[in-house]
N, C-alpha and C. Protein backbone atom coordinates (compact mmCIF):
# COMPACT_ATOMS: atom_id res chain seq x y z
N MET A 1 0.80 -1.14 0.00
CA MET A 1 0.05 0.07 -0.17
C MET A 1 0.94 1.17 0.23
N MET A 2 0.41 2.38 -0.76
CA MET A 2 0.98 3.61 -0.39
C MET A 2 0.25 4.39 0.43
N ASN A 3 1.26 5.21 1.36
CA ASN A 3 0.69 6.40 2.37
C ASN A 3 0.99 7.71 1.28
N GLY A 4 0.45 8.66 1.94
CA GLY A 4 0.25 9.87 1.63
C GLY A 4 1.85 10.40 1.49
N SER A 5 2.53 9.99 1.95
CA SER A 5 4.10 11.02 2.18
C SER A 5 4.82 9.85 0.94
N GLU A 6 4.37 8.91 0.34
CA GLU A 6 5.41 8.07 -0.50
C GLU A 6 5.07 9.14 -1.96
N THR A 7 6.33 9.28 -2.42
CA THR A 7 6.03 9.85 -3.98
C THR A 7 6.15 8.44 -4.62
N THR A 8 5.34 8.37 -6.17
CA THR A 8 5.32 7.42 -6.74
C THR A 8 5.93 8.17 -7.98
N ILE A 9 6.57 7.28 -8.83
CA ILE A 9 7.17 7.49 -10.14
C ILE A 9 6.31 7.30 -10.90
N PRO A 10 6.04 7.92 -11.91
CA PRO A 10 4.83 7.85 -12.94
C PRO A 10 5.63 6.73 -13.92
N SER A 11 4.75 6.08 -14.70
CA SER A 11 5.15 5.02 -15.32
C SER A 11 5.34 5.71 -16.94
N LEU A 12 5.76 5.15 -17.92
CA LEU A 12 6.15 5.19 -19.10
C LEU A 12 5.09 5.80 -19.58
N ALA A 13 3.93 5.58 -19.57
CA ALA A 13 3.19 5.91 -20.36
C ALA A 13 2.19 7.20 -19.68
N GLU A 14 2.34 7.44 -18.42
CA GLU A 14 1.98 8.76 -18.00
C GLU A 14 2.76 9.62 -18.62
N ARG A 15 4.31 9.20 -18.53
CA ARG A 15 5.54 10.52 -18.94
C ARG A 15 4.80 10.66 -20.37
N ALA A 16 4.87 9.52 -21.21
CA ALA A 16 4.59 10.06 -22.59
C ALA A 16 3.34 10.59 -22.84
N THR A 17 2.22 10.68 -22.01
CA THR A 17 1.18 11.31 -22.15
C THR A 17 1.22 12.74 -21.51
N LEU A 18 2.23 12.96 -20.44
CA LEU A 18 2.59 14.54 -19.89
C LEU A 18 3.29 15.01 -20.92
N VAL A 19 4.58 14.45 -21.83
CA VAL A 19 4.97 14.82 -22.38
C VAL A 19 4.37 15.34 -23.39
N SER A 20 3.40 14.53 -24.26
CA SER A 20 2.55 14.87 -25.88
C SER A 20 1.54 16.09 -25.10
N MET A 21 0.82 15.89 -24.34
CA MET A 21 0.37 17.22 -23.81
C MET A 21 0.86 18.56 -23.66
N GLU A 22 2.09 18.22 -23.40
CA GLU A 22 2.93 19.17 -22.96
C GLU A 22 3.44 20.18 -24.25
N THR A 23 3.84 18.93 -25.23
CA THR A 23 4.11 19.63 -26.89
C THR A 23 2.60 19.84 -27.52
N ILE A 24 1.41 19.24 -27.32
CA ILE A 24 0.17 20.12 -27.98
C ILE A 24 0.03 21.18 -27.63
N MET A 25 0.24 21.90 -26.10
CA MET A 25 -0.37 22.77 -25.88
C MET A 25 0.95 23.98 -26.21
N LYS A 26 1.93 23.46 -26.01
CA LYS A 26 3.38 24.41 -26.91
C LYS A 26 2.99 24.62 -28.34
N ALA A 27 2.28 23.99 -29.18
CA ALA A 27 1.80 24.04 -30.38
C ALA A 27 1.01 24.71 -31.14
N ASP A 28 -0.03 24.89 -29.60
CA ASP A 28 -1.67 25.24 -29.98
C ASP A 28 -1.18 27.01 -29.40
N ILE A 29 -0.57 27.18 -28.83
CA ILE A 29 0.32 28.46 -28.09
C ILE A 29 0.84 29.44 -29.67
N PHE A 30 1.90 28.50 -29.81
CA PHE A 30 2.39 28.83 -31.44
C PHE A 30 1.78 28.99 -32.58
N PHE A 31 0.27 28.54 -32.66
CA PHE A 31 -0.27 28.44 -34.20
C PHE A 31 -1.01 29.98 -33.20
N PHE A 32 -1.59 30.17 -32.46
CA PHE A 32 -2.56 31.03 -31.99
C PHE A 32 -1.50 32.39 -32.11
N ILE A 33 -0.45 32.44 -31.67
CA ILE A 33 0.38 33.59 -31.71
C ILE A 33 0.66 33.87 -33.06
N SER A 34 1.17 32.58 -33.86
CA SER A 34 1.31 33.08 -35.54
C SER A 34 -0.27 33.44 -36.22
N SER A 35 -1.20 33.18 -35.47
CA SER A 35 -2.51 33.60 -36.28
C SER A 35 -2.90 34.99 -35.80
N VAL A 36 -2.65 35.46 -34.52
CA VAL A 36 -2.73 37.10 -34.43
C VAL A 36 -1.65 37.85 -35.22
N ALA A 37 -0.55 37.14 -34.99
CA ALA A 37 0.53 37.90 -35.94
C ALA A 37 0.01 37.80 -37.22
N THR A 38 -0.48 37.52 -37.94
CA THR A 38 -0.80 37.26 -39.62
C THR A 38 -1.89 37.91 -39.99
N VAL A 39 -2.92 37.88 -38.80
CA VAL A 39 -3.88 39.07 -39.01
C VAL A 39 -3.69 40.92 -38.58
N VAL A 40 -2.86 40.80 -37.71
CA VAL A 40 -2.32 42.12 -37.34
C VAL A 40 -1.25 42.81 -38.91
N LEU A 41 -0.96 41.48 -39.29
CA LEU A 41 -0.02 42.18 -40.61
C LEU A 41 -0.57 42.06 -41.61
N VAL A 42 -1.78 41.15 -41.90
CA VAL A 42 -3.07 41.70 -43.03
C VAL A 42 -3.45 43.08 -43.00
N ILE A 43 -3.38 43.48 -41.49
CA ILE A 43 -4.08 44.63 -41.47
C ILE A 43 -3.49 45.64 -41.46
N LEU A 44 -2.33 45.92 -41.44
CA LEU A 44 -1.24 46.88 -41.26
C LEU A 44 -1.04 47.00 -42.90
N VAL A 45 -0.76 45.85 -43.65
CA VAL A 45 -0.52 45.80 -45.02
C VAL A 45 -1.75 46.66 -46.15
N SER A 46 -3.09 46.28 -45.29
CA SER A 46 -4.56 46.87 -46.20
C SER A 46 -4.22 48.34 -45.57
N VAL A 47 -4.02 48.97 -44.73
CA VAL A 47 -3.77 50.12 -44.54
C VAL A 47 -3.36 50.81 -45.51
N LEU A 48 -1.33 50.38 -45.35
CA LEU A 48 -0.55 50.85 -45.88
C LEU A 48 -1.23 51.17 -47.86
N LEU A 49 -1.63 49.88 -48.02
CA LEU A 49 -2.25 49.91 -49.68
C LEU A 49 -3.13 50.87 -49.82
N LEU A 50 -3.97 51.29 -48.43
CA LEU A 50 -4.84 52.00 -48.80
C LEU A 50 -4.43 53.52 -49.12
N TYR A 51 -3.27 54.27 -47.79
CA TYR A 51 -2.89 55.42 -48.41
C TYR A 51 -1.77 54.87 -49.79
N PHE A 52 -1.22 54.44 -50.13
CA PHE A 52 -0.81 54.44 -51.23
C PHE A 52 -2.09 54.43 -52.69
N ILE A 53 -2.96 54.05 -52.52
CA ILE A 53 -4.23 54.23 -53.72
C ILE A 53 -4.42 55.79 -53.06
N LYS A 54 -4.92 56.20 -52.20
CA LYS A 54 -5.46 57.67 -52.47
C LYS A 54 -3.97 58.46 -52.33
N ALA A 55 -2.71 58.11 -52.57
CA ALA A 55 -1.30 58.71 -52.87
C ALA A 55 -1.43 58.67 -53.83
N GLY A 56 -1.87 57.74 -55.24
CA GLY A 56 -1.83 57.47 -56.38
C GLY A 56 -2.99 58.61 -57.33
N ARG A 57 -4.18 58.53 -56.49
CA ARG A 57 -5.42 59.31 -56.94
C ARG A 57 -4.93 60.73 -56.68
N ASN A 58 -4.23 61.07 -56.07
CA ASN A 58 -4.12 62.54 -55.68
C ASN A 58 -3.05 62.88 -56.95
N LEU A 59 -1.87 62.14 -56.74
CA LEU A 59 -1.01 62.47 -57.98
C LEU A 59 -1.85 62.37 -59.46
N TYR A 60 -2.40 61.35 -59.88
CA TYR A 60 -3.05 61.72 -60.85
C TYR A 60 -3.84 62.87 -60.95
N LEU A 61 -4.40 63.35 -60.41
CA LEU A 61 -5.55 64.41 -60.35
C LEU A 61 -4.19 66.10 -60.29
N LEU A 62 -3.33 65.90 -59.89
CA LEU A 62 -2.27 66.97 -59.77
C LEU A 62 -1.95 66.70 -61.14
N SER A 63 -1.49 65.90 -61.58
CA SER A 63 -1.03 65.59 -63.15
C SER A 63 -2.05 66.18 -64.20
N GLU A 64 -3.27 65.87 -63.84
CA GLU A 64 -4.42 66.26 -65.05
C GLU A 64 -4.32 68.09 -64.71
N ALA A 65 -4.19 68.60 -63.82
CA ALA A 65 -4.57 70.30 -63.44
C ALA A 65 -3.51 70.39 -64.03
N LEU A 66 -2.02 70.12 -63.73
CA LEU A 66 -0.94 70.56 -64.88
C LEU A 66 -0.78 70.47 -65.94
N LYS A 67 -1.81 69.58 -66.93
CA LYS A 67 -1.72 69.37 -67.91
C LYS A 67 -2.29 70.10 -68.45
N GLY A 68 -3.66 70.65 -67.94
CA GLY A 68 -4.54 71.66 -68.22
C GLY A 68 -3.87 73.08 -68.40
N ARG A 69 -3.18 73.31 -67.15
CA ARG A 69 -2.57 74.38 -67.13
C ARG A 69 -1.35 74.91 -67.87
N PHE A 70 -0.71 73.75 -68.47
CA PHE A 70 0.37 73.76 -69.33
C PHE A 70 -0.30 73.93 -70.94
N LYS A 71 -1.43 73.25 -71.27
CA LYS A 71 -2.36 73.58 -72.75
C LYS A 71 -2.68 74.86 -72.40
N ASP A 72 -2.73 75.81 -71.33
CA ASP A 72 -3.16 77.10 -71.35
C ASP A 72 -1.75 78.18 -71.68
N SER A 73 -0.70 77.56 -70.66
CA SER A 73 0.37 78.26 -71.38
C SER A 73 0.73 78.58 -72.41
N GLU A 74 0.72 77.37 -73.42
CA GLU A 74 1.60 77.01 -74.51
C GLU A 74 0.32 77.73 -75.21
N GLU A 75 -0.45 78.06 -75.21
CA GLU A 75 -1.53 78.93 -76.16
C GLU A 75 -1.24 80.72 -76.05
N PHE A 76 -0.66 80.63 -74.51
CA PHE A 76 -0.65 82.00 -74.39
C PHE A 76 0.90 82.02 -74.93
N VAL A 77 1.80 81.67 -74.85
CA VAL A 77 3.02 81.79 -75.40
C VAL A 77 2.91 81.66 -77.12
N THR A 78 1.79 80.95 -77.30
CA THR A 78 1.79 80.90 -79.29
C THR A 78 1.54 82.44 -79.49
N GLU A 79 0.35 83.25 -78.77
CA GLU A 79 -0.17 84.20 -78.96
C GLU A 79 0.86 85.26 -78.60
N LEU A 80 2.02 85.34 -77.71
CA LEU A 80 2.53 86.18 -77.70
C LEU A 80 3.61 86.10 -78.78
N ARG A 81 4.26 84.93 -79.11
CA ARG A 81 5.29 84.97 -80.03
C ARG A 81 4.48 85.83 -81.55
N ASP A 82 2.97 85.51 -81.78
CA ASP A 82 2.88 85.94 -83.02
C ASP A 82 2.43 87.02 -83.07
N ARG A 83 2.29 87.89 -81.50
CA ARG A 83 2.37 89.47 -81.52
C ARG A 83 3.68 90.08 -81.32
N LEU A 84 4.86 89.25 -81.09
CA LEU A 84 6.23 89.76 -81.16
C LEU A 84 6.44 89.65 -82.67
N GLU A 85 6.40 88.94 -83.41
CA GLU A 85 6.53 88.83 -84.96
C GLU A 85 5.97 89.88 -85.81
N ASN A 86 5.20 89.99 -85.44
CA ASN A 86 4.48 91.33 -86.12
C ASN A 86 4.55 92.60 -85.04
N ASN A 87 5.28 93.06 -84.57
CA ASN A 87 5.78 94.11 -83.86
C ASN A 87 6.78 95.17 -84.63
N MET A 88 6.22 96.16 -84.85
CA MET A 88 7.62 96.86 -85.92
C MET A 88 9.02 96.99 -84.92
N ILE A 89 8.79 97.19 -83.57
CA ILE A 89 9.45 97.60 -82.89
C ILE A 89 10.49 96.66 -82.74
N PHE A 90 10.18 95.18 -82.33
CA PHE A 90 10.39 93.60 -82.19
C PHE A 90 11.39 93.62 -83.94
N GLN A 91 10.51 93.95 -84.61
CA GLN A 91 11.16 93.51 -86.10
C GLN A 91 12.47 94.59 -86.29
N MET A 92 12.66 95.69 -85.83
CA MET A 92 13.50 96.32 -86.10
C MET A 92 14.62 95.82 -85.32
N PHE A 93 14.63 95.61 -84.27
CA PHE A 93 15.66 94.78 -82.92
C PHE A 93 16.34 93.53 -83.91
N PHE A 94 15.09 92.62 -84.23
CA PHE A 94 15.57 91.40 -84.58
C PHE A 94 15.05 91.08 -85.77
N PRO A 95 16.03 91.78 -86.92
CA PRO A 95 15.31 91.52 -88.04
C PRO A 95 15.05 89.74 -88.40
N GLN A 96 14.05 89.60 -89.19
CA GLN A 96 14.08 87.86 -89.54
C GLN A 96 15.60 87.44 -90.60
N SER A 97 15.78 86.67 -90.20
CA SER A 97 17.10 85.96 -91.20
C SER A 97 16.89 85.40 -92.38
N ARG A 98 17.64 85.83 -93.60
CA ARG A 98 17.25 85.30 -94.86
C ARG A 98 17.84 83.67 -95.11
N LYS A 99 16.88 83.39 -95.66
CA LYS A 99 17.63 81.53 -96.01
C LYS A 99 18.71 81.88 -96.96
N ARG A 100 19.84 81.24 -96.67
CA ARG A 100 21.12 81.04 -97.88
C ARG A 100 20.60 80.24 -98.65
N LYS A 101 21.20 80.33 -100.00
CA LYS A 101 21.02 79.09 -100.65
C LYS A 101 22.53 78.05 -100.79
N ARG A 102 22.62 77.40 -100.26
CA ARG A 102 24.10 77.22 -100.11
C ARG A 102 23.73 75.63 -100.89
N THR A 103 22.65 74.95 -100.71
CA THR A 103 22.60 73.73 -101.30
C THR A 103 22.53 73.88 -102.56
N LYS A 104 22.26 74.69 -103.28
CA LYS A 104 22.39 74.94 -104.90
C LYS A 104 23.61 75.46 -105.40
N VAL A 105 24.45 76.24 -104.07
CA VAL A 105 25.73 76.27 -104.71
C VAL A 105 26.53 74.81 -104.64
N ARG A 106 26.30 74.49 -103.50
CA ARG A 106 27.06 73.22 -103.13
C ARG A 106 26.87 71.71 -104.56
N GLU A 107 25.62 71.96 -104.99
CA GLU A 107 25.28 70.76 -106.10
C GLU A 107 25.95 71.39 -107.42
N ALA A 108 26.32 72.82 -107.53
CA ALA A 108 26.55 72.66 -108.42
C ALA A 108 28.23 72.56 -108.54
N ASP A 109 28.84 73.02 -107.32
CA ASP A 109 29.98 72.56 -107.07
C ASP A 109 30.94 70.90 -107.56
N VAL A 110 29.83 69.94 -106.93
CA VAL A 110 29.97 68.52 -107.18
C VAL A 110 29.84 68.67 -108.16
N GLU A 111 28.85 69.00 -109.23
CA GLU A 111 28.80 68.99 -110.62
C GLU A 111 29.96 69.28 -111.57
N GLU A 112 30.47 70.47 -111.02
CA GLU A 112 31.57 70.55 -111.81
C GLU A 112 32.82 69.99 -111.54
N ASP A 113 33.06 69.29 -110.45
CA ASP A 113 34.17 68.44 -109.74
C ASP A 113 34.50 67.15 -110.92
N ASN A 114 32.61 66.69 -110.81
CA ASN A 114 32.48 65.87 -111.77
C ASN A 114 33.03 65.91 -113.54
């Protein structure tokens, strides 16, 4: 008979059960922590993706606004150039250059050499 003061050594089957239960508990804790970390990571990536989408949309709207402004400024510069070309004072300081007929002269030189 066993007294209450005596310690008993667990049998091999009891040890195997204790070890396997401990291993299962550790595995459950690991999978729980992994699952929570995965959910948190997915939430963070989703928020980051949302900010990238908003930033991309803002850049698109900004580029469209700039395209319109550039078109307006292009029309302004074209109109200003036309005005300046027809201005007498501008023509006096910057006369239109005359085109030279160098190509005909060169062709004649080539024919003479042959």
